[in-house]
Every structure is written in structure tokens, then in C-alpha cells.
Amino acid sequence: MTKVYFLWHVHEVAGAGDDEKLIGVYATEADAMGAIDRLRHQPGFKDFPEGFQIVSYTMNADHWREGFISVVEAMGTLRP
């Protein structure tokens, strides 16, 4: 099966959780690494160089196989 490589940049923002950016989707891991090399010295990215993450996904495959509940439903389960 064919894989693609998602390049993310994630860093924590104090009091606000994670700031996640999808940088791009690449045909090879080497292509994603090349993007990191091009971006690592840019404003913002240079302050959080450890934030780059490459995640591979197999194409034409189901990656979420179970159902889900809404946020509203989940919040209702937290109430006494």
C-alpha cells in the first residue's frame, strides 16, 4: 500500500494547550525532512525546533474504524 507523510509542527502555548500546524503532505519521508530543513530557521519555527513531527499514513485505508460521540455528548457524561 502507498504511504504519504504528514509534516506537523506542534508546540505548547501557555494556558491555551497545543498550537498545531499541518505544514504539508509529502510522498516520501525524505521530502518531509527536506521541508523541515527549509523551515527550521523561519520565524516561529526557529523558536520551537523540536516541534516538527512526521506521521506516515497508508492511503486507501480506514484509520478511524470505530464510531464516535459528539463533544456535547462527552460533556454530558462528565456531569454528576
PDB file of N, CA and C in Angstrom:
ATOM      1  N   MET A   1       0.832  -1.188   0.000  1.00  0.00           N
ATOM      2  CA  MET A   1       0.000   0.000   0.000  1.00  0.00           C
ATOM      3  C   MET A   1       0.878   1.255   0.000  1.00  0.00           C
ATOM      4  N   THR A   2       0.372   2.306  -0.592  1.00  0.00           N
ATOM      5  CA  THR A   2       1.099   3.563  -0.694  1.00  0.00           C
ATOM      6  C   THR A   2       0.973   4.361   0.595  1.00  0.00           C
ATOM      7  N   LYS A   3       2.080   4.942   1.010  1.00  0.00           N
ATOM      8  CA  LYS A   3       2.084   5.801   2.188  1.00  0.00           C
ATOM      9  C   LYS A   3       2.315   7.247   1.777  1.00  0.00           C
ATOM     10  N   VAL A   4       1.801   8.155   2.590  1.00  0.00           N
ATOM     11  CA  VAL A   4       2.126   9.570   2.494  1.00  0.00           C
ATOM     12  C   VAL A   4       2.629  10.004   3.858  1.00  0.00           C
ATOM     13  N   TYR A   5       3.298  11.134   3.895  1.00  0.00           N
ATOM     14  CA  TYR A   5       3.930  11.603   5.125  1.00  0.00           C
ATOM     15  C   TYR A   5       3.437  13.015   5.447  1.00  0.00           C
ATOM     16  N   PHE A   6       2.739  13.125   6.571  1.00  0.00           N
ATOM     17  CA  PHE A   6       2.236  14.408   7.050  1.00  0.00           C
ATOM     18  C   PHE A   6       3.308  15.053   7.913  1.00  0.00           C
ATOM     19  N   LEU A   7       3.574  16.324   7.657  1.00  0.00           N
ATOM     20  CA  LEU A   7       4.511  17.077   8.482  1.00  0.00           C
ATOM     21  C   LEU A   7       3.713  18.072   9.313  1.00  0.00           C
ATOM     22  N   TRP A   8       3.822  17.935  10.616  1.00  0.00           N
ATOM     23  CA  TRP A   8       3.154  18.808  11.573  1.00  0.00           C
ATOM     24  C   TRP A   8       4.186  19.607  12.343  1.00  0.00           C
ATOM     25  N   HIS A   9       3.776  20.756  12.820  1.00  0.00           N
ATOM     26  CA  HIS A   9       4.565  21.473  13.808  1.00  0.00           C
ATOM     27  C   HIS A   9       3.647  21.713  14.993  1.00  0.00           C
ATOM     28  N   VAL A  10       4.070  21.263  16.175  1.00  0.00           N
ATOM     29  CA  VAL A  10       3.258  21.358  17.389  1.00  0.00           C
ATOM     30  C   VAL A  10       4.110  21.951  18.499  1.00  0.00           C
ATOM     31  N   HIS A  11       3.553  22.947  19.178  1.00  0.00           N
ATOM     32  CA  HIS A  11       4.206  23.449  20.383  1.00  0.00           C
ATOM     33  C   HIS A  11       3.131  23.908  21.365  1.00  0.00           C
ATOM     34  N   GLU A  12       3.477  23.876  22.625  1.00  0.00           N
ATOM     35  CA  GLU A  12       2.534  24.238  23.680  1.00  0.00           C
ATOM     36  C   GLU A  12       2.486  25.751  23.851  1.00  0.00           C
ATOM     37  N   VAL A  13       1.281  26.259  23.995  1.00  0.00           N
ATOM     38  CA  VAL A  13       1.062  27.675  24.284  1.00  0.00           C
ATOM     39  C   VAL A  13       0.571  27.746  25.723  1.00  0.00           C
ATOM     40  N   ALA A  14       1.289  28.467  26.558  1.00  0.00           N
ATOM     41  CA  ALA A  14       0.965  28.537  27.983  1.00  0.00           C
ATOM     42  C   ALA A  14      -0.499  28.920  28.195  1.00  0.00           C
ATOM     43  N   GLY A  15      -1.203  28.087  28.921  1.00  0.00           N
ATOM     44  CA  GLY A  15      -2.594  28.347  29.258  1.00  0.00           C
ATOM     45  C   GLY A  15      -3.593  28.100  28.147  1.00  0.00           C
ATOM     46  N   ALA A  16      -3.118  27.706  26.971  1.00  0.00           N
ATOM     47  CA  ALA A  16      -4.032  27.543  25.845  1.00  0.00           C
ATOM     48  C   ALA A  16      -3.917  26.172  25.175  1.00  0.00           C
ATOM     49  N   GLY A  17      -3.048  25.304  25.649  1.00  0.00           N
ATOM     50  CA  GLY A  17      -2.905  23.984  25.035  1.00  0.00           C
ATOM     51  C   GLY A  17      -1.898  23.992  23.900  1.00  0.00           C
ATOM     52  N   ASP A  18      -2.076  23.074  22.973  1.00  0.00           N
ATOM     53  CA  ASP A  18      -1.137  22.925  21.862  1.00  0.00           C
ATOM     54  C   ASP A  18      -1.546  23.765  20.666  1.00  0.00           C
ATOM     55  N   ASP A  19      -0.556  24.334  20.007  1.00  0.00           N
ATOM     56  CA  ASP A  19      -0.735  25.027  18.740  1.00  0.00           C
ATOM     57  C   ASP A  19      -0.221  24.075  17.668  1.00  0.00           C
ATOM     58  N   GLU A  20      -1.128  23.545  16.853  1.00  0.00           N
ATOM     59  CA  GLU A  20      -0.780  22.539  15.846  1.00  0.00           C
ATOM     60  C   GLU A  20      -0.953  23.118  14.449  1.00  0.00           C
ATOM     61  N   LYS A  21       0.065  22.918  13.618  1.00  0.00           N
ATOM     62  CA  LYS A  21       0.009  23.359  12.234  1.00  0.00           C
ATOM     63  C   LYS A  21       0.333  22.190  11.320  1.00  0.00           C
ATOM     64  N   LEU A  22      -0.537  21.924  10.348  1.00  0.00           N
ATOM     65  CA  LEU A  22      -0.219  20.953   9.315  1.00  0.00           C
ATOM     66  C   LEU A  22       0.582  21.697   8.262  1.00  0.00           C
ATOM     67  N   ILE A  23       1.856  21.345   8.130  1.00  0.00           N
ATOM     68  CA  ILE A  23       2.754  22.020   7.192  1.00  0.00           C
ATOM     69  C   ILE A  23       2.518  21.525   5.774  1.00  0.00           C
ATOM     70  N   GLY A  24       2.399  20.208   5.614  1.00  0.00           N
ATOM     71  CA  GLY A  24       2.189  19.654   4.280  1.00  0.00           C
ATOM     72  C   GLY A  24       2.131  18.146   4.297  1.00  0.00           C
ATOM     73  N   VAL A  25       1.824  17.591   3.131  1.00  0.00           N
ATOM     74  CA  VAL A  25       1.753  16.143   2.936  1.00  0.00           C
ATOM     75  C   VAL A  25       2.738  15.801   1.824  1.00  0.00           C
ATOM     76  N   TYR A  26       3.596  14.814   2.074  1.00  0.00           N
ATOM     77  CA  TYR A  26       4.711  14.522   1.182  1.00  0.00           C
ATOM     78  C   TYR A  26       4.710  13.064   0.742  1.00  0.00           C
ATOM     79  N   ALA A  27       5.286  12.817  -0.420  1.00  0.00           N
ATOM     80  CA  ALA A  27       5.327  11.478  -0.986  1.00  0.00           C
ATOM     81  C   ALA A  27       6.321  10.569  -0.279  1.00  0.00           C
ATOM     82  N   THR A  28       7.374  11.160   0.284  1.00  0.00           N
ATOM     83  CA  THR A  28       8.384  10.354   0.967  1.00  0.00           C
ATOM     84  C   THR A  28       8.764  11.027   2.284  1.00  0.00           C
ATOM     85  N   GLU A  29       9.312  10.240   3.187  1.00  0.00           N
ATOM     86  CA  GLU A  29       9.800  10.790   4.450  1.00  0.00           C
ATOM     87  C   GLU A  29      10.941  11.765   4.190  1.00  0.00           C
ATOM     88  N   ALA A  30      11.760  11.461   3.189  1.00  0.00           N
ATOM     89  CA  ALA A  30      12.872  12.362   2.842  1.00  0.00           C
ATOM     90  C   ALA A  30      12.352  13.722   2.380  1.00  0.00           C
ATOM     91  N   ASP A  31      11.242  13.737   1.649  1.00  0.00           N
ATOM     92  CA  ASP A  31      10.641  15.006   1.232  1.00  0.00           C
ATOM     93  C   ASP A  31      10.183  15.811   2.451  1.00  0.00           C
ATOM     94  N   ALA A  32       9.582  15.143   3.422  1.00  0.00           N
ATOM     95  CA  ALA A  32       9.140  15.812   4.647  1.00  0.00           C
ATOM     96  C   ALA A  32      10.340  16.351   5.425  1.00  0.00           C
ATOM     97  N   MET A  33      11.414  15.580   5.484  1.00  0.00           N
ATOM     98  CA  MET A  33      12.636  16.038   6.164  1.00  0.00           C
ATOM     99  C   MET A  33      13.208  17.265   5.448  1.00  0.00           C
ATOM    100  N   GLY A  34      13.120  17.280   4.122  1.00  0.00           N
ATOM    101  CA  GLY A  34      13.590  18.432   3.357  1.00  0.00           C
ATOM    102  C   GLY A  34      12.798  19.685   3.707  1.00  0.00           C
ATOM    103  N   ALA A  35      11.508  19.531   3.927  1.00  0.00           N
ATOM    104  CA  ALA A  35      10.676  20.671   4.327  1.00  0.00           C
ATOM    105  C   ALA A  35      11.117  21.198   5.693  1.00  0.00           C
ATOM    106  N   ILE A  36      11.436  20.292   6.606  1.00  0.00           N
ATOM    107  CA  ILE A  36      11.933  20.717   7.919  1.00  0.00           C
ATOM    108  C   ILE A  36      13.203  21.530   7.740  1.00  0.00           C
ATOM    109  N   ASP A  37      14.103  21.062   6.889  1.00  0.00           N
ATOM    110  CA  ASP A  37      15.355  21.788   6.647  1.00  0.00           C
ATOM    111  C   ASP A  37      15.090  23.186   6.100  1.00  0.00           C
ATOM    112  N   ARG A  38      14.068  23.319   5.237  1.00  0.00           N
ATOM    113  CA  ARG A  38      13.747  24.624   4.664  1.00  0.00           C
ATOM    114  C   ARG A  38      13.091  25.557   5.679  1.00  0.00           C
ATOM    115  N   LEU A  39      12.360  24.990   6.649  1.00  0.00           N
ATOM    116  CA  LEU A  39      11.555  25.806   7.565  1.00  0.00           C
ATOM    117  C   LEU A  39      12.189  26.079   8.923  1.00  0.00           C
ATOM    118  N   ARG A  40      13.142  25.272   9.320  1.00  0.00           N
ATOM    119  CA  ARG A  40      13.627  25.318  10.707  1.00  0.00           C
ATOM    120  C   ARG A  40      14.204  26.658  11.139  1.00  0.00           C
ATOM    121  N   HIS A  41      14.579  27.507  10.196  1.00  0.00           N
ATOM    122  CA  HIS A  41      15.163  28.805  10.549  1.00  0.00           C
ATOM    123  C   HIS A  41      14.194  29.965  10.334  1.00  0.00           C
ATOM    124  N   GLN A  42      12.956  29.654   9.981  1.00  0.00           N
ATOM    125  CA  GLN A  42      11.947  30.682   9.765  1.00  0.00           C
ATOM    126  C   GLN A  42      11.393  31.183  11.097  1.00  0.00           C
ATOM    127  N   PRO A  43      10.856  32.417  11.110  1.00  0.00           N
ATOM    128  CA  PRO A  43      10.274  32.952  12.344  1.00  0.00           C
ATOM    129  C   PRO A  43       9.247  31.981  12.949  1.00  0.00           C
ATOM    130  N   GLY A  44       9.284  31.868  14.239  1.00  0.00           N
ATOM    131  CA  GLY A  44       8.378  30.961  14.950  1.00  0.00           C
ATOM    132  C   GLY A  44       8.939  29.555  15.017  1.00  0.00           C
ATOM    133  N   PHE A  45       9.198  28.966  13.866  1.00  0.00           N
ATOM    134  CA  PHE A  45       9.731  27.602  13.848  1.00  0.00           C
ATOM    135  C   PHE A  45      11.094  27.534  14.534  1.00  0.00           C
ATOM    136  N   LYS A  46      11.905  28.574  14.343  1.00  0.00           N
ATOM    137  CA  LYS A  46      13.248  28.554  14.942  1.00  0.00           C
ATOM    138  C   LYS A  46      13.195  28.609  16.462  1.00  0.00           C
ATOM    139  N   ASP A  47      12.079  29.106  17.015  1.00  0.00           N
ATOM    140  CA  ASP A  47      11.926  29.163  18.467  1.00  0.00           C
ATOM    141  C   ASP A  47      11.483  27.832  19.064  1.00  0.00           C
ATOM    142  N   PHE A  48      10.953  26.946  18.224  1.00  0.00           N
ATOM    143  CA  PHE A  48      10.461  25.638  18.681  1.00  0.00           C
ATOM    144  C   PHE A  48      10.937  24.553  17.709  1.00  0.00           C
ATOM    145  N   PRO A  49      12.246  24.371  17.558  1.00  0.00           N
ATOM    146  CA  PRO A  49      12.763  23.423  16.552  1.00  0.00           C
ATOM    147  C   PRO A  49      12.385  21.975  16.845  1.00  0.00           C
ATOM    148  N   GLU A  50      12.070  21.668  18.103  1.00  0.00           N
ATOM    149  CA  GLU A  50      11.698  20.289  18.456  1.00  0.00           C
ATOM    150  C   GLU A  50      10.244  19.980  18.114  1.00  0.00           C
ATOM    151  N   GLY A  51       9.497  20.980  17.613  1.00  0.00           N
ATOM    152  CA  GLY A  51       8.070  20.800  17.368  1.00  0.00           C
ATOM    153  C   GLY A  51       7.706  20.069  16.094  1.00  0.00           C
ATOM    154  N   PHE A  52       8.664  19.803  15.217  1.00  0.00           N
ATOM    155  CA  PHE A  52       8.356  19.121  13.957  1.00  0.00           C
ATOM    156  C   PHE A  52       8.065  17.643  14.200  1.00  0.00           C
ATOM    157  N   GLN A  53       6.998  17.159  13.570  1.00  0.00           N
ATOM    158  CA  GLN A  53       6.617  15.749  13.679  1.00  0.00           C
ATOM    159  C   GLN A  53       6.220  15.234  12.304  1.00  0.00           C
ATOM    160  N   ILE A  54       6.748  14.072  11.945  1.00  0.00           N
ATOM    161  CA  ILE A  54       6.373  13.423  10.698  1.00  0.00           C
ATOM    162  C   ILE A  54       5.555  12.192  11.052  1.00  0.00           C
ATOM    163  N   VAL A  55       4.373  12.094  10.448  1.00  0.00           N
ATOM    164  CA  VAL A  55       3.477  10.965  10.700  1.00  0.00           C
ATOM    165  C   VAL A  55       3.141  10.327   9.360  1.00  0.00           C
ATOM    166  N   SER A  56       3.347   9.025   9.245  1.00  0.00           N
ATOM    167  CA  SER A  56       3.019   8.345   7.990  1.00  0.00           C
ATOM    168  C   SER A  56       1.602   7.782   8.052  1.00  0.00           C
ATOM    169  N   TYR A  57       0.931   7.841   6.914  1.00  0.00           N
ATOM    170  CA  TYR A  57      -0.412   7.281   6.767  1.00  0.00           C
ATOM    171  C   TYR A  57      -0.442   6.418   5.517  1.00  0.00           C
ATOM    172  N   THR A  58      -1.088   5.297   5.646  1.00  0.00           N
ATOM    173  CA  THR A  58      -1.303   4.438   4.488  1.00  0.00           C
ATOM    174  C   THR A  58      -2.536   4.940   3.751  1.00  0.00           C
ATOM    175  N   MET A  59      -2.411   5.130   2.469  1.00  0.00           N
ATOM    176  CA  MET A  59      -3.536   5.607   1.670  1.00  0.00           C
ATOM    177  C   MET A  59      -4.516   4.472   1.403  1.00  0.00           C
ATOM    178  N   ASN A  60      -5.762   4.855   1.139  1.00  0.00           N
ATOM    179  CA  ASN A  60      -6.837   3.915   0.827  1.00  0.00           C
ATOM    180  C   ASN A  60      -7.068   2.906   1.943  1.00  0.00           C
ATOM    181  N   ALA A  61      -6.930   3.379   3.173  1.00  0.00           N
ATOM    182  CA  ALA A  61      -7.176   2.542   4.345  1.00  0.00           C
ATOM    183  C   ALA A  61      -7.989   3.353   5.345  1.00  0.00           C
ATOM    184  N   ASP A  62      -8.867   2.679   6.064  1.00  0.00           N
ATOM    185  CA  ASP A  62      -9.643   3.348   7.113  1.00  0.00           C
ATOM    186  C   ASP A  62      -8.758   3.483   8.340  1.00  0.00           C
ATOM    187  N   HIS A  63      -8.623   4.705   8.831  1.00  0.00           N
ATOM    188  CA  HIS A  63      -7.777   4.949  10.001  1.00  0.00           C
ATOM    189  C   HIS A  63      -8.599   5.182  11.266  1.00  0.00           C
ATOM    190  N   TRP A  64      -9.890   5.391  11.115  1.00  0.00           N
ATOM    191  CA  TRP A  64     -10.793   5.542  12.268  1.00  0.00           C
ATOM    192  C   TRP A  64     -11.909   4.551  12.031  1.00  0.00           C
ATOM    193  N   ARG A  65     -11.843   3.431  12.720  1.00  0.00           N
ATOM    194  CA  ARG A  65     -12.752   2.313  12.438  1.00  0.00           C
ATOM    195  C   ARG A  65     -13.930   2.213  13.388  1.00  0.00           C
ATOM    196  N   GLU A  66     -13.860   2.933  14.504  1.00  0.00           N
ATOM    197  CA  GLU A  66     -14.955   2.856  15.459  1.00  0.00           C
ATOM    198  C   GLU A  66     -15.813   4.117  15.343  1.00  0.00           C
ATOM    199  N   GLY A  67     -16.961   4.097  15.944  1.00  0.00           N
ATOM    200  CA  GLY A  67     -17.846   5.259  15.923  1.00  0.00           C
ATOM    201  C   GLY A  67     -17.308   6.373  16.794  1.00  0.00           C
ATOM    202  N   PHE A  68     -18.154   7.379  17.019  1.00  0.00           N
ATOM    203  CA  PHE A  68     -17.740   8.491  17.863  1.00  0.00           C
ATOM    204  C   PHE A  68     -18.958   9.082  18.548  1.00  0.00           C
ATOM    205  N   ILE A  69     -18.697   9.883  19.574  1.00  0.00           N
ATOM    206  CA  ILE A  69     -19.744  10.674  20.194  1.00  0.00           C
ATOM    207  C   ILE A  69     -19.345  12.130  20.068  1.00  0.00           C
ATOM    208  N   SER A  70     -20.317  13.016  20.117  1.00  0.00           N
ATOM    209  CA  SER A  70     -20.025  14.443  19.977  1.00  0.00           C
ATOM    210  C   SER A  70     -19.429  14.982  21.272  1.00  0.00           C
ATOM    211  N   VAL A  71     -18.854  16.164  21.177  1.00  0.00           N
ATOM    212  CA  VAL A  71     -18.309  16.825  22.359  1.00  0.00           C
ATOM    213  C   VAL A  71     -19.431  17.062  23.364  1.00  0.00           C
ATOM    214  N   VAL A  72     -20.606  17.442  22.878  1.00  0.00           N
ATOM    215  CA  VAL A  72     -21.748  17.686  23.758  1.00  0.00           C
ATOM    216  C   VAL A  72     -22.098  16.407  24.520  1.00  0.00           C
ATOM    217  N   GLU A  73     -22.122  15.278  23.820  1.00  0.00           N
ATOM    218  CA  GLU A  73     -22.409  14.001  24.496  1.00  0.00           C
ATOM    219  C   GLU A  73     -21.324  13.667  25.521  1.00  0.00           C
ATOM    220  N   ALA A  74     -20.085  13.911  25.152  1.00  0.00           N
ATOM    221  CA  ALA A  74     -18.988  13.605  26.078  1.00  0.00           C
ATOM    222  C   ALA A  74     -19.066  14.477  27.315  1.00  0.00           C
ATOM    223  N   MET A  75     -19.395  15.735  27.162  1.00  0.00           N
ATOM    224  CA  MET A  75     -19.517  16.642  28.306  1.00  0.00           C
ATOM    225  C   MET A  75     -20.660  16.206  29.200  1.00  0.00           C
ATOM    226  N   GLY A  76     -21.719  15.674  28.630  1.00  0.00           N
ATOM    227  CA  GLY A  76     -22.848  15.199  29.421  1.00  0.00           C
ATOM    228  C   GLY A  76     -22.479  14.028  30.306  1.00  0.00           C
ATOM    229  N   THR A  77     -21.509  13.229  29.888  1.00  0.00           N
ATOM    230  CA  THR A  77     -21.091  12.083  30.696  1.00  0.00           C
ATOM    231  C   THR A  77     -20.227  12.524  31.870  1.00  0.00           C
ATOM    232  N   LEU A  78     -19.732  13.774  31.848  1.00  0.00           N
ATOM    233  CA  LEU A  78     -18.893  14.272  32.938  1.00  0.00           C
ATOM    234  C   LEU A  78     -19.706  14.916  34.051  1.00  0.00           C
ATOM    235  N   ARG A  79     -20.949  15.211  33.760  1.00  0.00           N
ATOM    236  CA  ARG A  79     -21.800  15.876  34.774  1.00  0.00           C
ATOM    237  C   ARG A  79     -22.319  14.854  35.767  1.00  0.00           C
ATOM    238  N   PRO A  80     -22.438  15.273  37.052  1.00  0.00           N
ATOM    239  CA  PRO A  80     -22.943  14.346  38.081  1.00  0.00           C
ATOM    240  C   PRO A  80     -24.405  13.999  37.908  1.00  0.00           C
TER     241      PRO A  80
END
